[in-house]
Amino acid sequence: MNCKRIFLIVFFSILGLIISGAACYLLRKHAPQYTASTYIRVLPPIEPGSLNIGPAAGPAEYVHRKSLAKLINRQSNFEELINKDKVRETRWFKRFGQIKDISIPKAIKDLNKHFLAYAEKDADYITLSMTCGDKIESATIVNQMVDLFLDSQRVTRTGEVRDKLTTYNSQLTDVENELAEAEKAVSAVRNTTSFPDFEEHTYPNPFESRLIRLELDKDNCLL
């Protein structure tokens, strides 16, 4: 009895392996799947007074990359991706049908399952990949998502930089005016006193220090 039971267990285990192998072979032959991958390099946010634009490998930078990867995987991004002409022209999209109310939800569901965007923990990259039945179309979908994301980030970051530059320019003008008024006051005092070394001091002029700091921040923002 025990031998018969062992034989049945071994037999069905081998049979299962054979069936699984045959199924994998048939799927690969008649319904192959291809995965296309690419990378987006993410520079760390530049802090005021810092010119560091090296690899974004610290914990804070990893969190930053994770937040950007999460943005890529948003439902709204998938909807915009599907609206791109190059994506709608693929066989991948057309197989979901012609009725938009049906095809679009199915396409988004497939993207949720087969499109991935995740942050590399030890490198300054976000990895994007797409799996479907055509290697060219999988690459097309990935590339279209890259273009979509970079375009949206370009608009967002350009607006942020423009606002910061406006603020820095305003602050620089204010400090320059304050410095000019201070120099006039010092000149007036020097002209009415007998002390020629009135301006000699070992500490930096506070207005000049503010100007230097603001110029650095502005340069970082431009960079």
C-alpha atoms as a PDB file:
ATOM      1  CA  MET A   1       0.000   0.000   0.000  1.00  0.00           C
ATOM      2  CA  ASN A   2       2.734   2.390   0.919  1.00  0.00           C
ATOM      3  CA  CYS A   3       4.690   1.541  -2.234  1.00  0.00           C
ATOM      4  CA  LYS A   4       1.608   2.133  -4.361  1.00  0.00           C
ATOM      5  CA  ARG A   5       1.008   5.489  -2.697  1.00  0.00           C
ATOM      6  CA  ILE A   6       4.618   6.514  -3.218  1.00  0.00           C
ATOM      7  CA  PHE A   7       4.417   5.439  -6.860  1.00  0.00           C
ATOM      8  CA  LEU A   8       1.275   7.535  -7.397  1.00  0.00           C
ATOM      9  CA  ILE A   9       2.872  10.570  -5.768  1.00  0.00           C
ATOM     10  CA  VAL A  10       5.998  10.277  -7.922  1.00  0.00           C
ATOM     11  CA  PHE A  11       3.941   9.578 -11.045  1.00  0.00           C
ATOM     12  CA  PHE A  12       1.648  12.576 -10.652  1.00  0.00           C
ATOM     13  CA  SER A  13       4.581  14.822  -9.709  1.00  0.00           C
ATOM     14  CA  ILE A  14       6.399  13.862 -12.905  1.00  0.00           C
ATOM     15  CA  LEU A  15       3.173  14.203 -14.894  1.00  0.00           C
ATOM     16  CA  GLY A  16       2.649  17.684 -13.458  1.00  0.00           C
ATOM     17  CA  LEU A  17       6.174  18.721 -14.448  1.00  0.00           C
ATOM     18  CA  ILE A  18       5.650  17.396 -17.966  1.00  0.00           C
ATOM     19  CA  ILE A  19       2.339  19.242 -18.341  1.00  0.00           C
ATOM     20  CA  SER A  20       3.817  22.461 -16.947  1.00  0.00           C
ATOM     21  CA  GLY A  21       6.803  22.228 -19.256  1.00  0.00           C
ATOM     22  CA  ALA A  22       4.599  21.553 -22.263  1.00  0.00           C
ATOM     23  CA  ALA A  23       2.342  24.470 -21.357  1.00  0.00           C
ATOM     24  CA  CYS A  24       5.312  26.830 -21.002  1.00  0.00           C
ATOM     25  CA  TYR A  25       6.722  25.650 -24.328  1.00  0.00           C
ATOM     26  CA  LEU A  26       3.401  26.186 -26.120  1.00  0.00           C
ATOM     27  CA  LEU A  27       2.917  29.622 -24.554  1.00  0.00           C
ATOM     28  CA  ARG A  28       6.416  30.709 -25.530  1.00  0.00           C
ATOM     29  CA  LYS A  29       5.962  29.419 -29.047  1.00  0.00           C
ATOM     30  CA  HIS A  30       2.432  30.638 -29.755  1.00  0.00           C
ATOM     31  CA  ALA A  31       2.004  33.505 -27.266  1.00  0.00           C
ATOM     32  CA  PRO A  32       5.483  34.857 -26.425  1.00  0.00           C
ATOM     33  CA  GLN A  33       5.940  37.713 -23.970  1.00  0.00           C
ATOM     34  CA  TYR A  34       8.603  40.383 -24.294  1.00  0.00           C
ATOM     35  CA  THR A  35       9.785  42.850 -21.681  1.00  0.00           C
ATOM     36  CA  ALA A  36      11.356  46.199 -22.558  1.00  0.00           C
ATOM     37  CA  SER A  37      13.191  48.174 -19.883  1.00  0.00           C
ATOM     38  CA  THR A  38      14.817  51.574 -19.625  1.00  0.00           C
ATOM     39  CA  TYR A  39      16.084  53.952 -16.967  1.00  0.00           C
ATOM     40  CA  ILE A  40      15.539  57.545 -15.940  1.00  0.00           C
ATOM     41  CA  ARG A  41      18.384  59.130 -14.029  1.00  0.00           C
ATOM     42  CA  VAL A  42      17.207  61.283 -11.123  1.00  0.00           C
ATOM     43  CA  LEU A  43      19.467  64.065  -9.871  1.00  0.00           C
ATOM     44  CA  PRO A  44      19.093  64.978  -6.186  1.00  0.00           C
ATOM     45  CA  PRO A  45      17.283  68.204  -5.309  1.00  0.00           C
ATOM     46  CA  ILE A  46      19.867  71.001  -5.047  1.00  0.00           C
ATOM     47  CA  GLU A  47      19.887  72.616  -1.631  1.00  0.00           C
ATOM     48  CA  PRO A  48      20.620  76.339  -1.207  1.00  0.00           C
ATOM     49  CA  GLY A  49      24.346  76.956  -0.964  1.00  0.00           C
ATOM     50  CA  SER A  50      25.260  73.562  -2.425  1.00  0.00           C
ATOM     51  CA  LEU A  51      26.618  72.751  -5.874  1.00  0.00           C
ATOM     52  CA  ASN A  52      26.460  68.988  -5.355  1.00  0.00           C
ATOM     53  CA  ILE A  53      24.953  67.213  -8.353  1.00  0.00           C
ATOM     54  CA  GLY A  54      26.561  63.818  -7.801  1.00  0.00           C
ATOM     55  CA  PRO A  55      24.877  60.424  -7.569  1.00  0.00           C
ATOM     56  CA  ALA A  56      21.612  60.410  -5.632  1.00  0.00           C
ATOM     57  CA  ALA A  57      22.371  57.442  -3.400  1.00  0.00           C
ATOM     58  CA  GLY A  58      21.396  58.649   0.090  1.00  0.00           C
ATOM     59  CA  PRO A  59      18.202  57.775   2.003  1.00  0.00           C
ATOM     60  CA  ALA A  60      16.554  61.133   1.235  1.00  0.00           C
ATOM     61  CA  GLU A  61      17.339  60.787  -2.461  1.00  0.00           C
ATOM     62  CA  TYR A  62      15.923  57.237  -2.470  1.00  0.00           C
ATOM     63  CA  VAL A  63      12.691  58.542  -0.976  1.00  0.00           C
ATOM     64  CA  HIS A  64      12.667  61.224  -3.685  1.00  0.00           C
ATOM     65  CA  ARG A  65      13.090  58.592  -6.411  1.00  0.00           C
ATOM     66  CA  LYS A  66      10.339  56.462  -4.887  1.00  0.00           C
ATOM     67  CA  SER A  67       7.944  59.412  -4.944  1.00  0.00           C
ATOM     68  CA  LEU A  68       8.718  60.019  -8.627  1.00  0.00           C
ATOM     69  CA  ALA A  69       8.224  56.325  -9.439  1.00  0.00           C
ATOM     70  CA  LYS A  70       4.869  56.506  -7.687  1.00  0.00           C
ATOM     71  CA  LEU A  71       3.945  59.488  -9.875  1.00  0.00           C
ATOM     72  CA  ILE A  72       4.727  57.464 -12.991  1.00  0.00           C
ATOM     73  CA  ASN A  73       2.422  54.654 -11.843  1.00  0.00           C
ATOM     74  CA  ARG A  74      -0.538  56.981 -11.272  1.00  0.00           C
ATOM     75  CA  GLN A  75      -3.871  56.187 -12.908  1.00  0.00           C
ATOM     76  CA  SER A  76      -3.913  59.607 -14.591  1.00  0.00           C
ATOM     77  CA  ASN A  77      -0.539  58.876 -16.220  1.00  0.00           C
ATOM     78  CA  PHE A  78      -1.839  55.581 -17.616  1.00  0.00           C
ATOM     79  CA  GLU A  79      -4.867  57.404 -19.024  1.00  0.00           C
ATOM     80  CA  GLU A  80      -2.637  59.976 -20.727  1.00  0.00           C
ATOM     81  CA  LEU A  81      -0.378  57.213 -22.019  1.00  0.00           C
ATOM     82  CA  ILE A  82      -3.323  55.428 -23.646  1.00  0.00           C
ATOM     83  CA  ASN A  83      -4.355  58.684 -25.353  1.00  0.00           C
ATOM     84  CA  LYS A  84      -1.046  58.859 -27.214  1.00  0.00           C
ATOM     85  CA  ASP A  85      -1.380  58.006 -30.898  1.00  0.00           C
ATOM     86  CA  LYS A  86       1.599  55.665 -30.984  1.00  0.00           C
ATOM     87  CA  VAL A  87       0.116  53.606 -28.148  1.00  0.00           C
ATOM     88  CA  ARG A  88      -3.363  53.467 -29.691  1.00  0.00           C
ATOM     89  CA  GLU A  89      -1.832  52.225 -32.943  1.00  0.00           C
ATOM     90  CA  THR A  90      -0.318  49.154 -31.277  1.00  0.00           C
ATOM     91  CA  ARG A  91      -1.843  45.700 -31.551  1.00  0.00           C
ATOM     92  CA  TRP A  92      -1.556  45.590 -27.771  1.00  0.00           C
ATOM     93  CA  PHE A  93      -4.198  48.328 -27.439  1.00  0.00           C
ATOM     94  CA  LYS A  94      -6.358  47.267 -30.378  1.00  0.00           C
ATOM     95  CA  ARG A  95      -6.922  43.818 -28.897  1.00  0.00           C
ATOM     96  CA  PHE A  96      -9.025  45.416 -26.153  1.00  0.00           C
ATOM     97  CA  GLY A  97     -11.695  46.366 -28.704  1.00  0.00           C
ATOM     98  CA  GLN A  98     -13.122  49.464 -30.355  1.00  0.00           C
ATOM     99  CA  ILE A  99     -15.529  50.567 -27.634  1.00  0.00           C
ATOM    100  CA  LYS A 100     -13.735  53.148 -25.486  1.00  0.00           C
ATOM    101  CA  ASP A 101     -15.762  52.482 -22.355  1.00  0.00           C
ATOM    102  CA  ILE A 102     -14.543  48.895 -22.498  1.00  0.00           C
ATOM    103  CA  SER A 103     -11.114  49.107 -24.123  1.00  0.00           C
ATOM    104  CA  ILE A 104      -9.658  51.882 -21.945  1.00  0.00           C
ATOM    105  CA  PRO A 105     -10.416  50.245 -18.558  1.00  0.00           C
ATOM    106  CA  LYS A 106      -9.036  46.943 -19.897  1.00  0.00           C
ATOM    107  CA  ALA A 107      -5.872  48.647 -21.147  1.00  0.00           C
ATOM    108  CA  ILE A 108      -5.353  50.397 -17.808  1.00  0.00           C
ATOM    109  CA  LYS A 109      -5.872  47.118 -15.980  1.00  0.00           C
ATOM    110  CA  ASP A 110      -3.248  45.489 -18.210  1.00  0.00           C
ATOM    111  CA  LEU A 111      -0.827  48.361 -17.553  1.00  0.00           C
ATOM    112  CA  ASN A 112      -1.330  47.982 -13.816  1.00  0.00           C
ATOM    113  CA  LYS A 113      -0.358  44.338 -14.207  1.00  0.00           C
ATOM    114  CA  HIS A 114       2.464  44.519 -16.757  1.00  0.00           C
ATOM    115  CA  PHE A 115       3.924  48.040 -16.535  1.00  0.00           C
ATOM    116  CA  LEU A 116       6.400  48.663 -13.713  1.00  0.00           C
ATOM    117  CA  ALA A 117       8.201  51.766 -12.481  1.00  0.00           C
ATOM    118  CA  TYR A 118      10.351  51.467  -9.373  1.00  0.00           C
ATOM    119  CA  ALA A 119      13.261  53.281  -7.765  1.00  0.00           C
ATOM    120  CA  GLU A 120      16.675  51.664  -7.605  1.00  0.00           C
ATOM    121  CA  LYS A 121      17.814  51.704  -3.992  1.00  0.00           C
ATOM    122  CA  ASP A 122      21.585  51.927  -4.523  1.00  0.00           C
ATOM    123  CA  ALA A 123      21.708  53.898  -7.780  1.00  0.00           C
ATOM    124  CA  ASP A 124      20.294  57.212  -8.956  1.00  0.00           C
ATOM    125  CA  TYR A 125      17.836  55.660 -11.422  1.00  0.00           C
ATOM    126  CA  ILE A 126      14.174  54.809 -11.825  1.00  0.00           C
ATOM    127  CA  THR A 127      13.595  51.617 -13.816  1.00  0.00           C
ATOM    128  CA  LEU A 128      10.625  51.402 -16.193  1.00  0.00           C
ATOM    129  CA  SER A 129       9.514  48.193 -17.914  1.00  0.00           C
ATOM    130  CA  MET A 130       6.588  46.883 -19.957  1.00  0.00           C
ATOM    131  CA  THR A 131       5.696  43.314 -20.888  1.00  0.00           C
ATOM    132  CA  CYS A 132       3.475  42.403 -23.832  1.00  0.00           C
ATOM    133  CA  GLY A 133       3.359  40.081 -26.832  1.00  0.00           C
ATOM    134  CA  ASP A 134       5.460  42.255 -29.162  1.00  0.00           C
ATOM    135  CA  LYS A 135       9.003  43.357 -28.389  1.00  0.00           C
ATOM    136  CA  ILE A 136       8.752  46.539 -30.493  1.00  0.00           C
ATOM    137  CA  GLU A 137       5.430  47.540 -28.957  1.00  0.00           C
ATOM    138  CA  SER A 138       6.660  46.933 -25.417  1.00  0.00           C
ATOM    139  CA  ALA A 139       9.568  49.299 -26.139  1.00  0.00           C
ATOM    140  CA  THR A 140       7.186  51.817 -27.729  1.00  0.00           C
ATOM    141  CA  ILE A 141       4.966  51.873 -24.633  1.00  0.00           C
ATOM    142  CA  VAL A 142       7.954  52.330 -22.319  1.00  0.00           C
ATOM    143  CA  ASN A 143       9.393  55.142 -24.436  1.00  0.00           C
ATOM    144  CA  GLN A 144       6.051  56.904 -24.648  1.00  0.00           C
ATOM    145  CA  MET A 145       5.740  56.811 -20.854  1.00  0.00           C
ATOM    146  CA  VAL A 146       9.262  58.233 -20.512  1.00  0.00           C
ATOM    147  CA  ASP A 147       8.397  61.109 -22.858  1.00  0.00           C
ATOM    148  CA  LEU A 148       5.115  61.732 -21.045  1.00  0.00           C
ATOM    149  CA  PHE A 149       6.751  61.814 -17.626  1.00  0.00           C
ATOM    150  CA  LEU A 150       9.709  63.991 -18.661  1.00  0.00           C
ATOM    151  CA  ASP A 151       7.402  66.487 -20.376  1.00  0.00           C
ATOM    152  CA  SER A 152       5.233  66.798 -17.268  1.00  0.00           C
ATOM    153  CA  GLN A 153       8.279  67.167 -15.015  1.00  0.00           C
ATOM    154  CA  ARG A 154       9.798  69.760 -17.331  1.00  0.00           C
ATOM    155  CA  VAL A 155       6.676  71.918 -17.092  1.00  0.00           C
ATOM    156  CA  THR A 156       6.469  71.514 -13.308  1.00  0.00           C
ATOM    157  CA  ARG A 157      10.163  72.141 -12.598  1.00  0.00           C
ATOM    158  CA  THR A 158      10.404  75.045 -15.029  1.00  0.00           C
ATOM    159  CA  GLY A 159       7.569  76.794 -13.219  1.00  0.00           C
ATOM    160  CA  GLU A 160       9.197  76.174  -9.836  1.00  0.00           C
ATOM    161  CA  VAL A 161      12.571  77.469 -11.029  1.00  0.00           C
ATOM    162  CA  ARG A 162      10.971  80.543 -12.595  1.00  0.00           C
ATOM    163  CA  ASP A 163       9.232  81.385  -9.311  1.00  0.00           C
ATOM    164  CA  LYS A 164      12.449  80.901  -7.327  1.00  0.00           C
ATOM    165  CA  LEU A 165      14.455  83.073  -9.713  1.00  0.00           C
ATOM    166  CA  THR A 166      11.859  85.824  -9.450  1.00  0.00           C
ATOM    167  CA  THR A 167      12.134  85.682  -5.656  1.00  0.00           C
ATOM    168  CA  TYR A 168      15.964  85.675  -5.714  1.00  0.00           C
ATOM    169  CA  ASN A 169      16.120  88.609  -8.137  1.00  0.00           C
ATOM    170  CA  SER A 170      13.750  90.600  -5.938  1.00  0.00           C
ATOM    171  CA  GLN A 171      15.804  89.830  -2.832  1.00  0.00           C
ATOM    172  CA  LEU A 172      19.049  90.700  -4.623  1.00  0.00           C
ATOM    173  CA  THR A 173      17.633  94.071  -5.679  1.00  0.00           C
ATOM    174  CA  ASP A 174      16.527  94.808  -2.105  1.00  0.00           C
ATOM    175  CA  VAL A 175      19.918  93.892  -0.630  1.00  0.00           C
ATOM    176  CA  GLU A 176      21.802  95.867  -3.302  1.00  0.00           C
ATOM    177  CA  ASN A 177      19.673  98.930  -2.499  1.00  0.00           C
ATOM    178  CA  GLU A 178      20.294  98.447   1.226  1.00  0.00           C
ATOM    179  CA  LEU A 179      24.034  98.083   0.591  1.00  0.00           C
ATOM    180  CA  ALA A 180      24.095 101.251  -1.518  1.00  0.00           C
ATOM    181  CA  GLU A 181      22.263 103.195   1.202  1.00  0.00           C
ATOM    182  CA  ALA A 182      24.654 101.852   3.854  1.00  0.00           C
ATOM    183  CA  GLU A 183      27.679 102.845   1.786  1.00  0.00           C
ATOM    184  CA  LYS A 184      26.243 106.348   1.352  1.00  0.00           C
ATOM    185  CA  ALA A 185      25.731 106.617   5.099  1.00  0.00           C
ATOM    186  CA  VAL A 186      29.272 105.397   5.821  1.00  0.00           C
ATOM    187  CA  SER A 187      30.698 107.800   3.230  1.00  0.00           C
ATOM    188  CA  ALA A 188      28.804 110.691   4.777  1.00  0.00           C
ATOM    189  CA  VAL A 189      30.081 109.835   8.260  1.00  0.00           C
ATOM    190  CA  ARG A 190      33.635 109.375   6.990  1.00  0.00           C
ATOM    191  CA  ASN A 191      33.563 112.794   5.296  1.00  0.00           C
ATOM    192  CA  THR A 192      32.529 114.466   8.527  1.00  0.00           C
ATOM    193  CA  THR A 193      34.975 112.718  10.854  1.00  0.00           C
ATOM    194  CA  SER A 194      38.741 112.780  11.294  1.00  0.00           C
ATOM    195  CA  PHE A 195      39.100 108.996  11.571  1.00  0.00           C
ATOM    196  CA  PRO A 196      40.466 107.719   8.205  1.00  0.00           C
ATOM    197  CA  ASP A 197      40.208 104.038   9.238  1.00  0.00           C
ATOM    198  CA  PHE A 198      36.522 104.327  10.087  1.00  0.00           C
ATOM    199  CA  GLU A 199      35.615 101.407   7.773  1.00  0.00           C
ATOM    200  CA  GLU A 200      38.383  99.060   8.850  1.00  0.00           C
ATOM    201  CA  HIS A 201      37.010  95.904  10.503  1.00  0.00           C
ATOM    202  CA  THR A 202      37.765  92.175  10.671  1.00  0.00           C
ATOM    203  CA  TYR A 203      34.202  90.896  10.250  1.00  0.00           C
ATOM    204  CA  PRO A 204      32.460  90.684   6.841  1.00  0.00           C
ATOM    205  CA  ASN A 205      29.934  93.284   5.821  1.00  0.00           C
ATOM    206  CA  PRO A 206      26.493  91.719   6.513  1.00  0.00           C
ATOM    207  CA  PHE A 207      25.020  93.123   3.294  1.00  0.00           C
ATOM    208  CA  GLU A 208      27.887  91.712   1.238  1.00  0.00           C
ATOM    209  CA  SER A 209      27.483  88.338   2.956  1.00  0.00           C
ATOM    210  CA  ARG A 210      23.776  88.314   2.099  1.00  0.00           C
ATOM    211  CA  LEU A 211      24.576  89.239  -1.506  1.00  0.00           C
ATOM    212  CA  ILE A 212      27.075  86.391  -1.824  1.00  0.00           C
ATOM    213  CA  ARG A 213      24.620  83.906  -0.291  1.00  0.00           C
ATOM    214  CA  LEU A 214      21.788  85.022  -2.571  1.00  0.00           C
ATOM    215  CA  GLU A 215      24.043  84.878  -5.638  1.00  0.00           C
ATOM    216  CA  LEU A 216      24.982  81.294  -4.748  1.00  0.00           C
ATOM    217  CA  ASP A 217      21.347  80.330  -4.298  1.00  0.00           C
ATOM    218  CA  LYS A 218      20.478  81.940  -7.621  1.00  0.00           C
ATOM    219  CA  ASP A 219      23.336  80.118  -9.371  1.00  0.00           C
ATOM    220  CA  ASN A 220      22.146  76.804  -7.914  1.00  0.00           C
ATOM    221  CA  CYS A 221      18.637  77.506  -9.090  1.00  0.00           C
ATOM    222  CA  LEU A 222      19.848  78.297 -12.613  1.00  0.00           C
ATOM    223  CA  LEU A 223      21.878  75.096 -12.601  1.00  0.00           C
END
